[in-house]
């Protein structure tokens, strides 16, 4: 027996019991769920680094004052000033959208300054209204686009045109349509009492309504595309079986379409909720942040002058968005999705 033959056995045996083989066996013994998390671990680590570090850095900056010139550690002072309304003078915004409220007693920090309360109210109202109607309209558009009819491709292209328009151009369109003197929609809506006639874009309620309509007009197409993807993933044979069983169109929708598209619908609502709670560009292009203050407006308006306070507002905004996202995720988990 040659030397090569004598050594090949131990070498081959060591290769079989090396670290690579042990890792391979460990992976093979993983369950489906654990293996899925293993495949997702690189992107989870990457997203943690990309998203978690800026969040922690923002929190660190929020503990300082005069970050750009002479950093001074103030702890949670920026948050206290923000919640008590002492920081209102540093924001170029209006405090008249909602009145200030003070709660005395055992909750000393539940004393929302007018501006923070107004910004939070604007953000929540805008998000709730826009996401609700975008989902409703997008669902209807997706149901239409899921049918077979002549010119369906052209209709799909036409629906996504508003979504492709840049925010600044979209804002200028609605600014001109609702301008107090030049807008052709101002007088008809003012006659119905929907908007202010002479102060349309400087009235908080009227401006918020216009901005919400503008966002619904633009983003319903995004919802329609996401929901359409879920509709087209449904097995068509289920509808054939339902027809044979004598199910009506409403029964097919209630028992087949809606339950099977609900996971996709939940993801679409989640995406839109996150985006809607960061509203800024549309407000600035249609009206201004002084008339319609949002949480993002508060961040942008103070970023160059007081980055510590701006970081505090940004961290509060991230917390509000996180609570909303966790609520949607919990609801999906409770429904079994």
Protein backbone atom coordinates (compact mmCIF):
# COMPACT_ATOMS: atom_id res chain seq x y z
CA UNK A 1 0.00 0.00 0.00
CA UNK A 2 1.38 3.39 -1.00
CA UNK A 3 1.90 6.30 1.38
CA UNK A 4 -0.94 8.19 -0.32
CA UNK A 5 -3.30 5.29 0.29
CA UNK A 6 -2.21 5.04 3.93
CA UNK A 7 -2.87 8.73 4.64
CA UNK A 8 -5.99 9.15 2.55
CA UNK A 9 -8.13 7.35 5.11
CA UNK A 10 -7.35 9.61 8.12
CA UNK A 11 -7.46 12.74 5.99
CA UNK A 12 -10.82 11.78 4.58
CA UNK A 13 -12.07 10.99 8.06
CA UNK A 14 -10.87 14.36 9.42
CA UNK A 15 -12.63 16.13 6.60
CA UNK A 16 -15.84 14.35 7.48
CA UNK A 17 -15.63 15.54 11.07
CA UNK A 18 -14.38 19.07 10.44
CA UNK A 19 -16.11 22.35 11.40
CA UNK A 20 -17.77 22.68 7.99
CA UNK A 21 -19.36 19.24 8.33
CA UNK A 22 -20.55 20.03 11.84
CA UNK A 23 -22.13 23.29 10.68
CA UNK A 24 -23.76 21.51 7.75
CA UNK A 25 -25.26 18.87 10.04
CA UNK A 26 -26.47 21.57 12.44
CA UNK A 27 -28.21 23.39 9.59
CA UNK A 28 -29.78 20.18 8.33
CA UNK A 29 -31.22 19.49 11.78
CA UNK A 30 -32.90 22.90 12.01
CA UNK A 31 -36.65 23.16 11.76
CA UNK A 32 -38.34 25.10 8.99
CA UNK A 33 -38.92 28.18 11.14
CA UNK A 34 -35.37 28.22 12.51
CA UNK A 35 -33.95 27.74 9.01
CA UNK A 36 -36.04 30.63 7.72
CA UNK A 37 -34.70 32.90 10.48
CA UNK A 38 -31.19 31.73 9.65
CA UNK A 39 -31.62 32.80 6.03
CA UNK A 40 -33.03 36.14 7.16
CA UNK A 41 -30.29 36.78 9.73
CA UNK A 42 -27.91 38.66 7.36
CA UNK A 43 -30.57 41.16 6.32
CA UNK A 44 -31.76 41.48 9.93
CA UNK A 45 -28.21 42.34 11.02
CA UNK A 46 -27.83 44.78 8.12
CA UNK A 47 -31.13 46.53 8.85
CA UNK A 48 -30.28 46.68 12.54
CA UNK A 49 -27.03 48.46 11.76
CA UNK A 50 -28.63 50.80 9.22
CA UNK A 51 -31.76 51.62 11.24
CA UNK A 52 -30.73 51.12 14.87
CA UNK A 53 -27.59 53.26 14.85
CA UNK A 54 -29.33 56.43 13.54
CA UNK A 55 -32.08 55.92 16.12
CA UNK A 56 -29.60 55.61 18.98
CA UNK A 57 -27.61 58.56 17.64
CA UNK A 58 -30.79 60.64 17.50
CA UNK A 59 -31.56 59.77 21.11
CA UNK A 60 -28.02 60.73 22.12
CA UNK A 61 -28.32 64.13 20.40
CA UNK A 62 -31.69 64.72 22.06
CA UNK A 63 -29.94 64.74 25.44
CA UNK A 64 -27.89 67.81 24.49
CA UNK A 65 -28.57 71.45 23.76
CA UNK A 66 -26.72 73.69 21.29
CA UNK A 67 -25.32 70.60 19.57
CA UNK A 68 -23.75 72.56 16.70
CA UNK A 69 -22.04 75.31 18.70
CA UNK A 70 -21.49 74.47 22.37
CA UNK A 71 -22.93 71.06 23.28
CA UNK A 72 -24.43 71.07 26.75
CA UNK A 73 -25.79 67.93 28.37
CA UNK A 74 -29.34 68.56 29.58
CA UNK A 75 -30.56 64.99 30.00
CA UNK A 76 -34.29 64.78 29.37
CA UNK A 77 -34.65 68.56 29.47
CA UNK A 78 -35.61 68.78 25.80
CA UNK A 79 -38.37 66.21 26.32
CA UNK A 80 -39.67 68.03 29.39
CA UNK A 81 -39.77 71.35 27.52
CA UNK A 82 -41.45 69.65 24.61
CA UNK A 83 -44.17 68.02 26.69
CA UNK A 84 -44.81 71.02 28.94
CA UNK A 85 -45.00 73.53 26.09
CA UNK A 86 -41.94 75.53 27.17
CA UNK A 87 -40.33 74.87 23.80
CA UNK A 88 -43.23 76.28 21.75
CA UNK A 89 -41.44 79.58 21.16
CA UNK A 90 -38.62 77.76 19.38
CA UNK A 91 -40.95 76.34 16.73
CA UNK A 92 -42.16 78.57 13.90
CA UNK A 93 -45.60 76.99 14.05
CA UNK A 94 -49.15 77.68 15.09
CA UNK A 95 -50.61 76.50 18.38
CA UNK A 96 -54.21 77.20 17.40
CA UNK A 97 -55.06 73.95 15.61
CA UNK A 98 -56.00 72.45 18.97
CA UNK A 99 -56.05 74.28 22.30
CA UNK A 100 -53.49 73.50 24.95
CA UNK A 101 -54.56 71.05 27.59
CA UNK A 102 -53.27 70.60 31.09
CA UNK A 103 -53.94 67.63 33.30
CA UNK A 104 -53.27 68.22 36.97
CA UNK A 105 -52.81 65.53 39.57
CA UNK A 106 -50.63 62.46 39.54
CA UNK A 107 -49.39 62.87 35.96
CA UNK A 108 -47.13 65.94 36.00
CA UNK A 109 -45.81 65.39 32.48
CA UNK A 110 -49.23 65.02 30.82
CA UNK A 111 -49.31 68.73 30.06
CA UNK A 112 -49.16 68.94 26.31
CA UNK A 113 -48.10 72.26 24.89
CA UNK A 114 -50.38 73.53 22.17
CA UNK A 115 -47.88 72.99 19.36
CA UNK A 116 -46.93 69.41 20.21
CA UNK A 117 -50.56 68.49 20.74
CA UNK A 118 -51.50 70.15 17.47
CA UNK A 119 -48.66 68.41 15.58
CA UNK A 120 -49.59 65.05 17.07
CA UNK A 121 -53.27 65.63 16.26
CA UNK A 122 -52.46 66.68 12.68
CA UNK A 123 -50.25 63.62 12.17
CA UNK A 124 -52.78 61.16 13.57
CA UNK A 125 -55.81 62.70 11.81
CA UNK A 126 -53.98 62.87 8.49
CA UNK A 127 -52.74 59.28 8.82
CA UNK A 128 -56.13 57.85 9.81
CA UNK A 129 -58.10 59.68 7.11
CA UNK A 130 -55.64 59.23 4.25
CA UNK A 131 -54.82 55.57 4.94
CA UNK A 132 -58.51 54.67 5.33
CA UNK A 133 -59.61 56.23 2.04
CA UNK A 134 -56.48 55.13 0.17
CA UNK A 135 -57.14 51.55 1.24
CA UNK A 136 -60.80 51.77 0.31
CA UNK A 137 -60.19 53.37 -3.10
CA UNK A 138 -57.14 51.22 -3.80
CA UNK A 139 -59.10 48.07 -3.00
CA UNK A 140 -61.82 49.09 -5.43
CA UNK A 141 -59.29 49.88 -8.15
CA UNK A 142 -57.54 46.55 -7.58
CA UNK A 143 -60.80 44.63 -7.88
CA UNK A 144 -61.50 46.35 -11.19
CA UNK A 145 -57.99 45.76 -12.52
CA UNK A 146 -58.17 42.10 -11.53
CA UNK A 147 -60.95 41.52 -14.07
CA UNK A 148 -60.42 40.63 -17.73
CA UNK A 149 -61.56 43.41 -20.03
CA UNK A 150 -60.36 45.16 -23.16
CA UNK A 151 -57.77 47.87 -22.49
CA UNK A 152 -56.85 46.63 -19.01
CA UNK A 153 -53.17 47.42 -19.55
CA UNK A 154 -53.96 51.01 -20.48
CA UNK A 155 -56.15 51.41 -17.42
CA UNK A 156 -53.39 50.08 -15.18
CA UNK A 157 -50.96 52.58 -16.66
CA UNK A 158 -53.42 55.45 -16.23
CA UNK A 159 -54.05 54.59 -12.58
CA UNK A 160 -50.38 54.80 -11.58
CA UNK A 161 -49.85 58.22 -13.24
CA UNK A 162 -50.76 60.19 -10.06
CA UNK A 163 -48.35 58.07 -8.04
CA UNK A 164 -45.53 58.90 -10.47
CA UNK A 165 -45.98 62.67 -10.12
CA UNK A 166 -43.34 64.27 -7.83
CA UNK A 167 -44.62 65.65 -4.54
CA UNK A 168 -43.61 69.25 -5.35
CA UNK A 169 -45.53 69.23 -8.65
CA UNK A 170 -48.49 67.57 -6.97
CA UNK A 171 -48.41 70.19 -4.23
CA UNK A 172 -48.36 73.04 -6.74
CA UNK A 173 -51.32 71.51 -8.58
CA UNK A 174 -53.47 71.48 -5.46
CA UNK A 175 -52.11 74.86 -4.39
CA UNK A 176 -53.36 76.40 -7.64
CA UNK A 177 -56.68 74.52 -7.56
CA UNK A 178 -57.47 75.79 -4.07
CA UNK A 179 -55.85 79.21 -4.20
CA UNK A 180 -58.22 81.80 -2.64
CA UNK A 181 -58.29 83.95 -5.79
CA UNK A 182 -57.06 81.78 -8.68
CA UNK A 183 -58.34 78.38 -7.63
CA UNK A 184 -61.39 77.11 -9.52
CA UNK A 185 -62.41 74.73 -6.71
CA UNK A 186 -62.34 77.23 -3.87
CA UNK A 187 -65.68 78.97 -4.51
CA UNK A 188 -67.77 75.81 -5.15
CA UNK A 189 -66.47 74.12 -1.99
CA UNK A 190 -66.80 77.36 0.00
CA UNK A 191 -70.44 77.60 -1.04
CA UNK A 192 -70.98 74.17 0.47
CA UNK A 193 -69.16 75.24 3.65
CA UNK A 194 -66.38 72.71 3.18
CA UNK A 195 -63.45 75.17 3.03
CA UNK A 196 -62.87 78.81 3.89
CA UNK A 197 -63.49 81.14 0.97
CA UNK A 198 -60.93 83.90 1.51
CA UNK A 199 -58.39 82.13 3.67
CA UNK A 200 -58.33 78.63 2.26
CA UNK A 201 -54.64 77.73 2.42
CA UNK A 202 -54.05 79.59 5.68
CA UNK A 203 -56.94 77.98 7.51
CA UNK A 204 -55.74 74.88 9.45
CA UNK A 205 -58.85 72.77 8.93
CA UNK A 206 -59.23 73.65 5.23
CA UNK A 207 -55.53 73.10 4.54
CA UNK A 208 -55.52 69.73 6.32
CA UNK A 209 -58.52 68.64 4.26
CA UNK A 210 -56.86 69.70 0.99
CA UNK A 211 -53.58 68.00 1.90
CA UNK A 212 -55.44 64.81 2.81
CA UNK A 213 -57.31 64.82 -0.51
CA UNK A 214 -54.05 65.41 -2.39
CA UNK A 215 -52.39 62.47 -0.66
CA UNK A 216 -55.39 60.21 -1.28
CA UNK A 217 -55.38 61.19 -4.97
CA UNK A 218 -51.70 60.34 -5.30
CA UNK A 219 -51.23 57.25 -3.15
CA UNK A 220 -54.39 55.26 -3.84
CA UNK A 221 -52.58 53.85 -6.87
CA UNK A 222 -49.80 52.52 -4.63
CA UNK A 223 -52.34 50.69 -2.51
CA UNK A 224 -54.07 49.40 -5.64
CA UNK A 225 -50.83 47.89 -6.98
CA UNK A 226 -50.03 46.13 -3.71
CA UNK A 227 -53.54 44.78 -3.28
CA UNK A 228 -53.67 43.73 -6.96
CA UNK A 229 -50.55 41.62 -6.40
CA UNK A 230 -52.38 39.83 -3.59
CA UNK A 231 -55.51 39.33 -5.69
CA UNK A 232 -53.58 37.79 -8.56
CA UNK A 233 -51.94 35.29 -6.23
CA UNK A 234 -55.34 33.73 -5.42
CA UNK A 235 -55.95 30.36 -7.07
CA UNK A 236 -58.61 30.90 -9.76
CA UNK A 237 -59.91 27.37 -9.38
CA UNK A 238 -61.45 28.41 -6.08
CA UNK A 239 -63.81 30.73 -7.94
CA UNK A 240 -64.72 27.93 -10.39
CA UNK A 241 -65.64 25.68 -7.47
CA UNK A 242 -67.67 28.51 -5.90
CA UNK A 243 -69.57 29.07 -9.14
CA UNK A 244 -70.40 25.37 -9.39
CA UNK A 245 -71.63 25.51 -5.78
CA UNK A 246 -73.91 28.41 -6.70
CA UNK A 247 -72.12 31.10 -4.70
CA UNK A 248 -72.99 34.68 -5.56
CA UNK A 249 -70.42 37.39 -6.32
CA UNK A 250 -70.76 38.75 -2.79
CA UNK A 251 -70.27 35.29 -1.27
CA UNK A 252 -67.18 34.74 -3.42
CA UNK A 253 -65.77 38.05 -2.23
CA UNK A 254 -66.61 37.40 1.43
CA UNK A 255 -65.45 33.79 1.58
CA UNK A 256 -62.57 33.71 -0.93
CA UNK A 257 -61.28 37.10 -2.03
CA UNK A 258 -61.24 39.06 1.20
CA UNK A 259 -59.80 36.37 3.53
CA UNK A 260 -57.03 35.46 1.09
CA UNK A 261 -56.05 39.05 0.26
CA UNK A 262 -56.17 40.20 3.89
CA UNK A 263 -52.45 39.48 4.63
CA UNK A 264 -51.41 41.56 1.62
CA UNK A 265 -53.86 44.26 2.67
CA UNK A 266 -52.30 44.35 6.13
CA UNK A 267 -48.82 44.82 4.70
CA UNK A 268 -50.05 47.61 2.41
CA UNK A 269 -51.72 49.39 5.34
CA UNK A 270 -48.53 49.03 7.37
CA UNK A 271 -46.39 50.61 4.63
CA UNK A 272 -48.81 53.49 4.14
CA UNK A 273 -49.15 54.12 7.87
CA UNK A 274 -45.39 54.49 8.24
CA UNK A 275 -45.17 56.83 5.25
CA UNK A 276 -48.22 58.90 6.23
CA UNK A 277 -46.94 59.57 9.73
CA UNK A 278 -43.82 61.15 8.20
CA UNK A 279 -45.80 63.69 6.18
CA UNK A 280 -43.88 66.88 5.44
CA UNK A 281 -43.29 67.61 1.74
CA UNK A 282 -46.96 67.82 0.79
CA UNK A 283 -47.68 70.17 3.70
CA UNK A 284 -44.82 72.47 2.75
CA UNK A 285 -45.76 72.58 -0.94
CA UNK A 286 -49.53 73.05 -0.53
CA UNK A 287 -49.70 75.20 2.60
CA UNK A 288 -47.00 75.63 5.25
CA UNK A 289 -45.88 74.08 8.52
CA UNK A 290 -47.14 77.05 10.52
CA UNK A 291 -50.71 76.44 9.38
CA UNK A 292 -50.62 72.63 9.42
CA UNK A 293 -47.95 71.55 11.89
CA UNK A 294 -46.96 67.89 11.83
CA UNK A 295 -44.32 66.04 13.82
CA UNK A 296 -41.98 66.00 10.81
CA UNK A 297 -42.56 69.74 10.34
CA UNK A 298 -41.40 70.32 13.90
CA UNK A 299 -38.21 68.36 13.21
CA UNK A 300 -37.38 70.17 9.98
CA UNK A 301 -38.18 73.65 11.30
CA UNK A 302 -35.73 73.36 14.21
CA UNK A 303 -33.02 71.14 12.73
CA UNK A 304 -30.65 73.96 11.79
CA UNK A 305 -31.22 76.08 14.91
CA UNK A 306 -31.63 73.58 17.74
CA UNK A 307 -30.61 70.10 16.72
CA UNK A 308 -31.03 68.73 20.23
CA UNK A 309 -34.70 69.73 20.37
CA UNK A 310 -35.18 68.54 16.78
CA UNK A 311 -33.69 65.17 17.76
CA UNK A 312 -36.10 64.95 20.69
CA UNK A 313 -39.06 65.56 18.39
CA UNK A 314 -37.66 63.02 15.90
CA UNK A 315 -37.30 60.41 18.62
CA UNK A 316 -40.86 61.07 19.82
CA UNK A 317 -42.02 60.74 16.20
CA UNK A 318 -40.19 57.43 15.88
CA UNK A 319 -41.88 56.26 19.07
CA UNK A 320 -45.34 57.20 17.80
CA UNK A 321 -44.67 55.43 14.49
CA UNK A 322 -43.34 52.40 16.36
CA UNK A 323 -46.48 52.20 18.48
CA UNK A 324 -48.68 52.43 15.39
CA UNK A 325 -46.65 49.76 13.57
CA UNK A 326 -46.72 47.41 16.56
CA UNK A 327 -50.48 47.89 16.74
CA UNK A 328 -50.89 46.84 13.10
CA UNK A 329 -48.52 43.88 13.53
CA UNK A 330 -50.31 42.75 16.69
CA UNK A 331 -53.64 42.93 14.92
CA UNK A 332 -52.30 40.78 12.08
CA UNK A 333 -50.84 38.31 14.58
CA UNK A 334 -54.15 38.12 16.43
CA UNK A 335 -55.94 37.42 13.14
CA UNK A 336 -53.53 34.56 12.43
CA UNK A 337 -51.50 36.20 9.66
